[in-house]
Amino acid sequence: MDFIDVCGASGASYRFRVWPGRAGHVPVAGNFVVVREARFPLDVQVIGVTGDLSQARLAAKAKGEERIFTRLNVARATREAEHDDLVARYPKARVVVEKG
């Protein structure tokens, strides 16, 4: 699964792309989620927002069957609004906010 769509509390859907393997990520701002594999509905473990997605792997602390998905989103207001929408939908997920 290369892409996932994650719905926020508002009903809006956000498309995330799987972390690019063992390679690093481009150092741009965006959102990220960590989900457990092969679980439907999605089992969202972590919801994060950062100014530098290349550092998201460290912040996400994914383990085992968890995968990191990212969403490039350079506009800060949009990035933060989407993050808040996802946090409202998944209140049990760990929240990560990094200025990066």
PDB file of N, CA and C in Angstrom:
ATOM      1  N   MET A   1       0.851  -1.163   0.000  1.00  0.00           N
ATOM      2  CA  MET A   1       0.000   0.000   0.000  1.00  0.00           C
ATOM      3  C   MET A   1       0.899   1.230   0.000  1.00  0.00           C
ATOM      4  N   ASP A   2       0.888   1.961  -1.107  1.00  0.00           N
ATOM      5  CA  ASP A   2       1.734   3.147  -1.250  1.00  0.00           C
ATOM      6  C   ASP A   2       1.071   4.406  -0.722  1.00  0.00           C
ATOM      7  N   PHE A   3      -0.260   4.441  -0.773  1.00  0.00           N
ATOM      8  CA  PHE A   3      -1.017   5.606  -0.331  1.00  0.00           C
ATOM      9  C   PHE A   3      -2.134   5.156   0.601  1.00  0.00           C
ATOM     10  N   ILE A   4      -2.481   6.035   1.540  1.00  0.00           N
ATOM     11  CA  ILE A   4      -3.674   5.815   2.357  1.00  0.00           C
ATOM     12  C   ILE A   4      -4.428   7.131   2.435  1.00  0.00           C
ATOM     13  N   ASP A   5      -5.719   7.035   2.599  1.00  0.00           N
ATOM     14  CA  ASP A   5      -6.554   8.205   2.814  1.00  0.00           C
ATOM     15  C   ASP A   5      -7.018   8.154   4.262  1.00  0.00           C
ATOM     16  N   VAL A   6      -6.755   9.231   4.996  1.00  0.00           N
ATOM     17  CA  VAL A   6      -7.116   9.312   6.400  1.00  0.00           C
ATOM     18  C   VAL A   6      -8.144  10.425   6.547  1.00  0.00           C
ATOM     19  N   CYS A   7      -9.288  10.087   7.129  1.00  0.00           N
ATOM     20  CA  CYS A   7     -10.351  11.077   7.313  1.00  0.00           C
ATOM     21  C   CYS A   7     -10.210  11.790   8.644  1.00  0.00           C
ATOM     22  N   GLY A   8     -10.461  13.080   8.620  1.00  0.00           N
ATOM     23  CA  GLY A   8     -10.456  13.885   9.830  1.00  0.00           C
ATOM     24  C   GLY A   8     -11.848  13.935  10.436  1.00  0.00           C
ATOM     25  N   ALA A   9     -11.963  14.586  11.575  1.00  0.00           N
ATOM     26  CA  ALA A   9     -13.250  14.718  12.258  1.00  0.00           C
ATOM     27  C   ALA A   9     -14.260  15.491  11.402  1.00  0.00           C
ATOM     28  N   SER A  10     -13.768  16.377  10.552  1.00  0.00           N
ATOM     29  CA  SER A  10     -14.641  17.183   9.698  1.00  0.00           C
ATOM     30  C   SER A  10     -15.245  16.386   8.551  1.00  0.00           C
ATOM     31  N   GLY A  11     -14.686  15.189   8.303  1.00  0.00           N
ATOM     32  CA  GLY A  11     -15.117  14.389   7.156  1.00  0.00           C
ATOM     33  C   GLY A  11     -14.197  14.548   5.968  1.00  0.00           C
ATOM     34  N   ALA A  12     -13.286  15.517   6.021  1.00  0.00           N
ATOM     35  CA  ALA A  12     -12.315  15.709   4.948  1.00  0.00           C
ATOM     36  C   ALA A  12     -11.356  14.523   4.912  1.00  0.00           C
ATOM     37  N   SER A  13     -10.914  14.176   3.722  1.00  0.00           N
ATOM     38  CA  SER A  13      -9.994  13.061   3.538  1.00  0.00           C
ATOM     39  C   SER A  13      -8.628  13.603   3.129  1.00  0.00           C
ATOM     40  N   TYR A  14      -7.575  13.065   3.739  1.00  0.00           N
ATOM     41  CA  TYR A  14      -6.212  13.508   3.472  1.00  0.00           C
ATOM     42  C   TYR A  14      -5.401  12.324   2.965  1.00  0.00           C
ATOM     43  N   ARG A  15      -4.738  12.504   1.834  1.00  0.00           N
ATOM     44  CA  ARG A  15      -3.947  11.424   1.232  1.00  0.00           C
ATOM     45  C   ARG A  15      -2.505  11.499   1.712  1.00  0.00           C
ATOM     46  N   PHE A  16      -2.024  10.381   2.239  1.00  0.00           N
ATOM     47  CA  PHE A  16      -0.655  10.246   2.726  1.00  0.00           C
ATOM     48  C   PHE A  16       0.076   9.201   1.893  1.00  0.00           C
ATOM     49  N   ARG A  17       1.371   9.403   1.719  1.00  0.00           N
ATOM     50  CA  ARG A  17       2.222   8.478   0.959  1.00  0.00           C
ATOM     51  C   ARG A  17       3.160   7.768   1.916  1.00  0.00           C
ATOM     52  N   VAL A  18       3.419   6.496   1.653  1.00  0.00           N
ATOM     53  CA  VAL A  18       4.307   5.725   2.516  1.00  0.00           C
ATOM     54  C   VAL A  18       5.702   6.358   2.536  1.00  0.00           C
ATOM     55  N   TRP A  19       6.362   6.295   3.697  1.00  0.00           N
ATOM     56  CA  TRP A  19       7.736   6.799   3.854  1.00  0.00           C
ATOM     57  C   TRP A  19       8.599   6.130   2.794  1.00  0.00           C
ATOM     58  N   PRO A  20       9.503   6.877   2.172  1.00  0.00           N
ATOM     59  CA  PRO A  20      10.296   6.325   1.061  1.00  0.00           C
ATOM     60  C   PRO A  20      11.358   5.301   1.484  1.00  0.00           C
ATOM     61  N   GLY A  21      10.931   4.155   1.960  1.00  0.00           N
ATOM     62  CA  GLY A  21      11.857   3.066   2.296  1.00  0.00           C
ATOM     63  C   GLY A  21      12.915   3.459   3.305  1.00  0.00           C
ATOM     64  N   ARG A  22      14.087   2.940   3.113  1.00  0.00           N
ATOM     65  CA  ARG A  22      15.202   3.246   4.016  1.00  0.00           C
ATOM     66  C   ARG A  22      15.829   4.597   3.698  1.00  0.00           C
ATOM     67  N   ALA A  23      15.430   5.150   2.577  1.00  0.00           N
ATOM     68  CA  ALA A  23      15.977   6.450   2.168  1.00  0.00           C
ATOM     69  C   ALA A  23      15.449   7.557   3.072  1.00  0.00           C
ATOM     70  N   GLY A  24      16.153   8.654   3.048  1.00  0.00           N
ATOM     71  CA  GLY A  24      15.691   9.813   3.801  1.00  0.00           C
ATOM     72  C   GLY A  24      14.532  10.488   3.087  1.00  0.00           C
ATOM     73  N   HIS A  25      13.924  11.390   3.763  1.00  0.00           N
ATOM     74  CA  HIS A  25      12.805  12.142   3.204  1.00  0.00           C
ATOM     75  C   HIS A  25      13.304  13.534   2.848  1.00  0.00           C
ATOM     76  N   VAL A  26      12.646  14.165   1.911  1.00  0.00           N
ATOM     77  CA  VAL A  26      13.017  15.538   1.576  1.00  0.00           C
ATOM     78  C   VAL A  26      12.731  16.432   2.782  1.00  0.00           C
ATOM     79  N   PRO A  27      13.573  17.428   3.041  1.00  0.00           N
ATOM     80  CA  PRO A  27      13.396  18.296   4.223  1.00  0.00           C
ATOM     81  C   PRO A  27      12.389  19.422   3.980  1.00  0.00           C
ATOM     82  N   VAL A  28      11.124  19.047   3.818  1.00  0.00           N
ATOM     83  CA  VAL A  28      10.062  20.025   3.628  1.00  0.00           C
ATOM     84  C   VAL A  28       9.021  19.847   4.728  1.00  0.00           C
ATOM     85  N   ALA A  29       8.201  20.834   4.891  1.00  0.00           N
ATOM     86  CA  ALA A  29       7.162  20.790   5.918  1.00  0.00           C
ATOM     87  C   ALA A  29       6.038  19.848   5.509  1.00  0.00           C
ATOM     88  N   GLY A  30       5.380  19.286   6.512  1.00  0.00           N
ATOM     89  CA  GLY A  30       4.253  18.419   6.212  1.00  0.00           C
ATOM     90  C   GLY A  30       3.685  17.743   7.441  1.00  0.00           C
ATOM     91  N   ASN A  31       2.780  16.835   7.181  1.00  0.00           N
ATOM     92  CA  ASN A  31       2.125  16.061   8.221  1.00  0.00           C
ATOM     93  C   ASN A  31       2.560  14.605   8.074  1.00  0.00           C
ATOM     94  N   PHE A  32       2.461  13.847   9.158  1.00  0.00           N
ATOM     95  CA  PHE A  32       2.733  12.418   9.066  1.00  0.00           C
ATOM     96  C   PHE A  32       1.838  11.661  10.022  1.00  0.00           C
ATOM     97  N   VAL A  33       1.604  10.406   9.687  1.00  0.00           N
ATOM     98  CA  VAL A  33       0.857   9.504  10.550  1.00  0.00           C
ATOM     99  C   VAL A  33       1.610   8.185  10.607  1.00  0.00           C
ATOM    100  N   VAL A  34       1.432   7.489  11.708  1.00  0.00           N
ATOM    101  CA  VAL A  34       1.943   6.133  11.839  1.00  0.00           C
ATOM    102  C   VAL A  34       0.726   5.244  12.025  1.00  0.00           C
ATOM    103  N   VAL A  35       0.606   4.228  11.173  1.00  0.00           N
ATOM    104  CA  VAL A  35      -0.519   3.303  11.266  1.00  0.00           C
ATOM    105  C   VAL A  35      -0.004   1.874  11.365  1.00  0.00           C
ATOM    106  N   ARG A  36      -0.803   1.031  12.003  1.00  0.00           N
ATOM    107  CA  ARG A  36      -0.475  -0.399  12.036  1.00  0.00           C
ATOM    108  C   ARG A  36      -0.899  -0.988  10.706  1.00  0.00           C
ATOM    109  N   GLU A  37      -0.048  -1.827  10.163  1.00  0.00           N
ATOM    110  CA  GLU A  37      -0.314  -2.438   8.864  1.00  0.00           C
ATOM    111  C   GLU A  37      -1.513  -3.368   8.896  1.00  0.00           C
ATOM    112  N   ALA A  38      -2.148  -3.459   7.756  1.00  0.00           N
ATOM    113  CA  ALA A  38      -3.219  -4.419   7.515  1.00  0.00           C
ATOM    114  C   ALA A  38      -4.354  -4.331   8.530  1.00  0.00           C
ATOM    115  N   ARG A  39      -4.653  -3.152   8.976  1.00  0.00           N
ATOM    116  CA  ARG A  39      -5.777  -2.980   9.898  1.00  0.00           C
ATOM    117  C   ARG A  39      -6.793  -2.048   9.253  1.00  0.00           C
ATOM    118  N   PHE A  40      -8.004  -2.497   9.159  1.00  0.00           N
ATOM    119  CA  PHE A  40      -9.075  -1.652   8.658  1.00  0.00           C
ATOM    120  C   PHE A  40     -10.254  -1.786   9.588  1.00  0.00           C
ATOM    121  N   PRO A  41     -10.826  -0.699  10.094  1.00  0.00           N
ATOM    122  CA  PRO A  41     -10.412   0.658   9.748  1.00  0.00           C
ATOM    123  C   PRO A  41      -8.996   0.933  10.229  1.00  0.00           C
ATOM    124  N   LEU A  42      -8.421   2.012   9.699  1.00  0.00           N
ATOM    125  CA  LEU A  42      -7.043   2.355  10.023  1.00  0.00           C
ATOM    126  C   LEU A  42      -6.829   2.452  11.525  1.00  0.00           C
ATOM    127  N   ASP A  43      -5.734   1.890  11.967  1.00  0.00           N
ATOM    128  CA  ASP A  43      -5.336   1.955  13.376  1.00  0.00           C
ATOM    129  C   ASP A  43      -4.233   3.009  13.479  1.00  0.00           C
ATOM    130  N   VAL A  44      -4.628   4.269  13.644  1.00  0.00           N
ATOM    131  CA  VAL A  44      -3.689   5.391  13.674  1.00  0.00           C
ATOM    132  C   VAL A  44      -3.044   5.471  15.054  1.00  0.00           C
ATOM    133  N   GLN A  45      -1.723   5.314  15.102  1.00  0.00           N
ATOM    134  CA  GLN A  45      -0.973   5.309  16.348  1.00  0.00           C
ATOM    135  C   GLN A  45      -0.384   6.680  16.681  1.00  0.00           C
ATOM    136  N   VAL A  46       0.072   7.399  15.649  1.00  0.00           N
ATOM    137  CA  VAL A  46       0.740   8.695  15.830  1.00  0.00           C
ATOM    138  C   VAL A  46       0.234   9.656  14.768  1.00  0.00           C
ATOM    139  N   ILE A  47       0.010  10.903  15.171  1.00  0.00           N
ATOM    140  CA  ILE A  47      -0.344  11.978  14.242  1.00  0.00           C
ATOM    141  C   ILE A  47       0.657  13.092  14.493  1.00  0.00           C
ATOM    142  N   GLY A  48       1.355  13.503  13.429  1.00  0.00           N
ATOM    143  CA  GLY A  48       2.379  14.513  13.625  1.00  0.00           C
ATOM    144  C   GLY A  48       2.368  15.604  12.573  1.00  0.00           C
ATOM    145  N   VAL A  49       2.957  16.715  12.950  1.00  0.00           N
ATOM    146  CA  VAL A  49       3.140  17.846  12.049  1.00  0.00           C
ATOM    147  C   VAL A  49       4.538  18.385  12.302  1.00  0.00           C
ATOM    148  N   THR A  50       5.231  18.746  11.224  1.00  0.00           N
ATOM    149  CA  THR A  50       6.612  19.188  11.373  1.00  0.00           C
ATOM    150  C   THR A  50       6.996  20.159  10.263  1.00  0.00           C
ATOM    151  N   GLY A  51       7.980  20.956  10.536  1.00  0.00           N
ATOM    152  CA  GLY A  51       8.542  21.848   9.536  1.00  0.00           C
ATOM    153  C   GLY A  51       9.610  21.165   8.705  1.00  0.00           C
ATOM    154  N   ASP A  52       9.964  19.906   9.052  1.00  0.00           N
ATOM    155  CA  ASP A  52      11.018  19.174   8.353  1.00  0.00           C
ATOM    156  C   ASP A  52      10.713  17.677   8.381  1.00  0.00           C
ATOM    157  N   LEU A  53      10.080  17.186   7.322  1.00  0.00           N
ATOM    158  CA  LEU A  53       9.709  15.774   7.274  1.00  0.00           C
ATOM    159  C   LEU A  53      10.903  14.829   7.294  1.00  0.00           C
ATOM    160  N   SER A  54      12.093  15.321   6.977  1.00  0.00           N
ATOM    161  CA  SER A  54      13.262  14.432   7.033  1.00  0.00           C
ATOM    162  C   SER A  54      13.551  13.985   8.463  1.00  0.00           C
ATOM    163  N   GLN A  55      13.007  14.694   9.451  1.00  0.00           N
ATOM    164  CA  GLN A  55      13.192  14.336  10.864  1.00  0.00           C
ATOM    165  C   GLN A  55      11.999  13.554  11.437  1.00  0.00           C
ATOM    166  N   ALA A  56      10.978  13.331  10.638  1.00  0.00           N
ATOM    167  CA  ALA A  56       9.757  12.692  11.129  1.00  0.00           C
ATOM    168  C   ALA A  56       9.977  11.257  11.590  1.00  0.00           C
ATOM    169  N   ARG A  57      10.888  10.537  10.968  1.00  0.00           N
ATOM    170  CA  ARG A  57      11.121   9.145  11.364  1.00  0.00           C
ATOM    171  C   ARG A  57      11.521   9.058  12.831  1.00  0.00           C
ATOM    172  N   LEU A  58      12.388   9.951  13.276  1.00  0.00           N
ATOM    173  CA  LEU A  58      12.811   9.956  14.679  1.00  0.00           C
ATOM    174  C   LEU A  58      11.644  10.307  15.604  1.00  0.00           C
ATOM    175  N   ALA A  59      10.854  11.278  15.206  1.00  0.00           N
ATOM    176  CA  ALA A  59       9.725  11.713  16.030  1.00  0.00           C
ATOM    177  C   ALA A  59       8.624  10.666  16.079  1.00  0.00           C
ATOM    178  N   ALA A  60       8.427   9.947  14.983  1.00  0.00           N
ATOM    179  CA  ALA A  60       7.337   8.977  14.900  1.00  0.00           C
ATOM    180  C   ALA A  60       7.592   7.740  15.755  1.00  0.00           C
ATOM    181  N   LYS A  61       8.849   7.319  15.847  1.00  0.00           N
ATOM    182  CA  LYS A  61       9.221   6.131  16.630  1.00  0.00           C
ATOM    183  C   LYS A  61       8.374   4.919  16.264  1.00  0.00           C
ATOM    184  N   ALA A  62       8.197   4.699  14.963  1.00  0.00           N
ATOM    185  CA  ALA A  62       7.427   3.542  14.506  1.00  0.00           C
ATOM    186  C   ALA A  62       8.193   2.266  14.804  1.00  0.00           C
ATOM    187  N   LYS A  63       7.455   1.211  15.095  1.00  0.00           N
ATOM    188  CA  LYS A  63       8.100  -0.057  15.405  1.00  0.00           C
ATOM    189  C   LYS A  63       7.271  -1.213  14.860  1.00  0.00           C
ATOM    190  N   GLY A  64       7.922  -2.332  14.684  1.00  0.00           N
ATOM    191  CA  GLY A  64       7.238  -3.554  14.270  1.00  0.00           C
ATOM    192  C   GLY A  64       6.402  -3.404  13.021  1.00  0.00           C
ATOM    193  N   GLU A  65       5.109  -3.652  13.170  1.00  0.00           N
ATOM    194  CA  GLU A  65       4.205  -3.632  12.029  1.00  0.00           C
ATOM    195  C   GLU A  65       3.648  -2.243  11.726  1.00  0.00           C
ATOM    196  N   GLU A  66       4.224  -1.216  12.314  1.00  0.00           N
ATOM    197  CA  GLU A  66       3.762   0.152  12.068  1.00  0.00           C
ATOM    198  C   GLU A  66       4.508   0.755  10.879  1.00  0.00           C
ATOM    199  N   ARG A  67       3.800   1.544  10.098  1.00  0.00           N
ATOM    200  CA  ARG A  67       4.409   2.217   8.948  1.00  0.00           C
ATOM    201  C   ARG A  67       4.154   3.712   9.036  1.00  0.00           C
ATOM    202  N   ILE A  68       5.119   4.469   8.528  1.00  0.00           N
ATOM    203  CA  ILE A  68       5.021   5.931   8.515  1.00  0.00           C
ATOM    204  C   ILE A  68       4.538   6.380   7.137  1.00  0.00           C
ATOM    205  N   PHE A  69       3.560   7.277   7.143  1.00  0.00           N
ATOM    206  CA  PHE A  69       3.054   7.882   5.916  1.00  0.00           C
ATOM    207  C   PHE A  69       3.160   9.392   6.060  1.00  0.00           C
ATOM    208  N   THR A  70       3.540  10.069   4.981  1.00  0.00           N
ATOM    209  CA  THR A  70       3.729  11.519   5.032  1.00  0.00           C
ATOM    210  C   THR A  70       2.838  12.228   4.016  1.00  0.00           C
ATOM    211  N   ARG A  71       2.633  13.507   4.306  1.00  0.00           N
ATOM    212  CA  ARG A  71       1.835  14.369   3.423  1.00  0.00           C
ATOM    213  C   ARG A  71       2.564  15.702   3.329  1.00  0.00           C
ATOM    214  N   LEU A  72       3.065  16.028   2.147  1.00  0.00           N
ATOM    215  CA  LEU A  72       3.738  17.302   1.949  1.00  0.00           C
ATOM    216  C   LEU A  72       2.699  18.413   2.027  1.00  0.00           C
ATOM    217  N   ASN A  73       3.019  19.418   2.816  1.00  0.00           N
ATOM    218  CA  ASN A  73       2.056  20.489   3.023  1.00  0.00           C
ATOM    219  C   ASN A  73       2.823  21.712   3.510  1.00  0.00           C
ATOM    220  N   VAL A  74       3.262  22.518   2.589  1.00  0.00           N
ATOM    221  CA  VAL A  74       4.161  23.613   2.917  1.00  0.00           C
ATOM    222  C   VAL A  74       3.476  24.777   3.635  1.00  0.00           C
ATOM    223  N   ALA A  75       2.228  25.059   3.318  1.00  0.00           N
ATOM    224  CA  ALA A  75       1.529  26.186   3.948  1.00  0.00           C
ATOM    225  C   ALA A  75       1.218  25.853   5.412  1.00  0.00           C
ATOM    226  N   ARG A  76       1.794  26.624   6.323  1.00  0.00           N
ATOM    227  CA  ARG A  76       1.664  26.328   7.754  1.00  0.00           C
ATOM    228  C   ARG A  76       0.214  26.297   8.227  1.00  0.00           C
ATOM    229  N   ALA A  77      -0.597  27.252   7.810  1.00  0.00           N
ATOM    230  CA  ALA A  77      -1.993  27.300   8.261  1.00  0.00           C
ATOM    231  C   ALA A  77      -2.742  26.028   7.841  1.00  0.00           C
ATOM    232  N   THR A  78      -2.534  25.593   6.619  1.00  0.00           N
ATOM    233  CA  THR A  78      -3.181  24.372   6.126  1.00  0.00           C
ATOM    234  C   THR A  78      -2.664  23.155   6.875  1.00  0.00           C
ATOM    235  N   ARG A  79      -1.363  23.077   7.040  1.00  0.00           N
ATOM    236  CA  ARG A  79      -0.719  21.967   7.746  1.00  0.00           C
ATOM    237  C   ARG A  79      -1.282  21.828   9.165  1.00  0.00           C
ATOM    238  N   GLU A  80      -1.371  22.937   9.878  1.00  0.00           N
ATOM    239  CA  GLU A  80      -1.864  22.909  11.255  1.00  0.00           C
ATOM    240  C   GLU A  80      -3.361  22.588  11.322  1.00  0.00           C
ATOM    241  N   ALA A  81      -4.137  23.104  10.379  1.00  0.00           N
ATOM    242  CA  ALA A  81      -5.580  22.827  10.364  1.00  0.00           C
ATOM    243  C   ALA A  81      -5.836  21.341  10.107  1.00  0.00           C
ATOM    244  N   GLU A  82      -5.103  20.758   9.174  1.00  0.00           N
ATOM    245  CA  GLU A  82      -5.262  19.333   8.891  1.00  0.00           C
ATOM    246  C   GLU A  82      -4.836  18.497  10.096  1.00  0.00           C
ATOM    247  N   HIS A  83      -3.751  18.891  10.737  1.00  0.00           N
ATOM    248  CA  HIS A  83      -3.281  18.189  11.932  1.00  0.00           C
ATOM    249  C   HIS A  83      -4.369  18.209  13.014  1.00  0.00           C
ATOM    250  N   ASP A  84      -4.942  19.372  13.265  1.00  0.00           N
ATOM    251  CA  ASP A  84      -5.991  19.498  14.283  1.00  0.00           C
ATOM    252  C   ASP A  84      -7.216  18.639  13.939  1.00  0.00           C
ATOM    253  N   ASP A  85      -7.573  18.591  12.665  1.00  0.00           N
ATOM    254  CA  ASP A  85      -8.702  17.792  12.221  1.00  0.00           C
ATOM    255  C   ASP A  85      -8.450  16.299  12.482  1.00  0.00           C
ATOM    256  N   LEU A  86      -7.247  15.842  12.204  1.00  0.00           N
ATOM    257  CA  LEU A  86      -6.906  14.434  12.433  1.00  0.00           C
ATOM    258  C   LEU A  86      -6.841  14.099  13.923  1.00  0.00           C
ATOM    259  N   VAL A  87      -6.283  15.000  14.711  1.00  0.00           N
ATOM    260  CA  VAL A  87      -6.210  14.779  16.161  1.00  0.00           C
ATOM    261  C   VAL A  87      -7.619  14.670  16.749  1.00  0.00           C
ATOM    262  N   ALA A  88      -8.535  15.484  16.254  1.00  0.00           N
ATOM    263  CA  ALA A  88      -9.913  15.430  16.741  1.00  0.00           C
ATOM    264  C   ALA A  88     -10.574  14.097  16.377  1.00  0.00           C
ATOM    265  N   ARG A  89     -10.213  13.524  15.258  1.00  0.00           N
ATOM    266  CA  ARG A  89     -10.801  12.250  14.805  1.00  0.00           C
ATOM    267  C   ARG A  89     -10.201  11.052  15.537  1.00  0.00           C
ATOM    268  N   TYR A  90      -8.903  11.131  15.890  1.00  0.00           N
ATOM    269  CA  TYR A  90      -8.202  10.011  16.530  1.00  0.00           C
ATOM    270  C   TYR A  90      -7.639  10.443  17.882  1.00  0.00           C
ATOM    271  N   PRO A  91      -8.482  10.609  18.883  1.00  0.00           N
ATOM    272  CA  PRO A  91      -8.027  11.143  20.172  1.00  0.00           C
ATOM    273  C   PRO A  91      -7.081  10.222  20.940  1.00  0.00           C
ATOM    274  N   LYS A  92      -7.023   8.941  20.604  1.00  0.00           N
ATOM    275  CA  LYS A  92      -6.132   8.015  21.314  1.00  0.00           C
ATOM    276  C   LYS A  92      -4.724   7.958  20.723  1.00  0.00           C
ATOM    277  N   ALA A  93      -4.539   8.574  19.551  1.00  0.00           N
ATOM    278  CA  ALA A  93      -3.224   8.576  18.911  1.00  0.00           C
ATOM    279  C   ALA A  93      -2.261   9.495  19.661  1.00  0.00           C
ATOM    280  N   ARG A  94      -0.979   9.127  19.644  1.00  0.00           N
ATOM    281  CA  ARG A  94       0.045  10.001  20.211  1.00  0.00           C
ATOM    282  C   ARG A  94       0.222  11.179  19.257  1.00  0.00           C
ATOM    283  N   VAL A  95       0.347  12.370  19.804  1.00  0.00           N
ATOM    284  CA  VAL A  95       0.455  13.590  18.991  1.00  0.00           C
ATOM    285  C   VAL A  95       1.879  14.123  19.056  1.00  0.00           C
ATOM    286  N   VAL A  96       2.427  14.453  17.873  1.00  0.00           N
ATOM    287  CA  VAL A  96       3.769  15.000  17.772  1.00  0.00           C
ATOM    288  C   VAL A  96       3.682  16.325  17.024  1.00  0.00           C
ATOM    289  N   VAL A  97       4.226  17.378  17.643  1.00  0.00           N
ATOM    290  CA  VAL A  97       4.284  18.696  16.999  1.00  0.00           C
ATOM    291  C   VAL A  97       5.726  19.150  17.062  1.00  0.00           C
ATOM    292  N   GLU A  98       6.330  19.334  15.885  1.00  0.00           N
ATOM    293  CA  GLU A  98       7.722  19.769  15.821  1.00  0.00           C
ATOM    294  C   GLU A  98       7.817  20.977  14.909  1.00  0.00           C
ATOM    295  N   LYS A  99       8.595  21.930  15.327  1.00  0.00           N
ATOM    296  CA  LYS A  99       8.752  23.153  14.527  1.00  0.00           C
ATOM    297  C   LYS A  99       9.703  22.924  13.351  1.00  0.00           C
ATOM    298  N   GLY A 100      10.722  22.097  13.551  1.00  0.00           N
ATOM    299  CA  GLY A 100      11.678  21.697  12.517  1.00  0.00           C
ATOM    300  C   GLY A 100      12.255  22.736  11.673  1.00  0.00           C
TER     301      GLY A 100
END
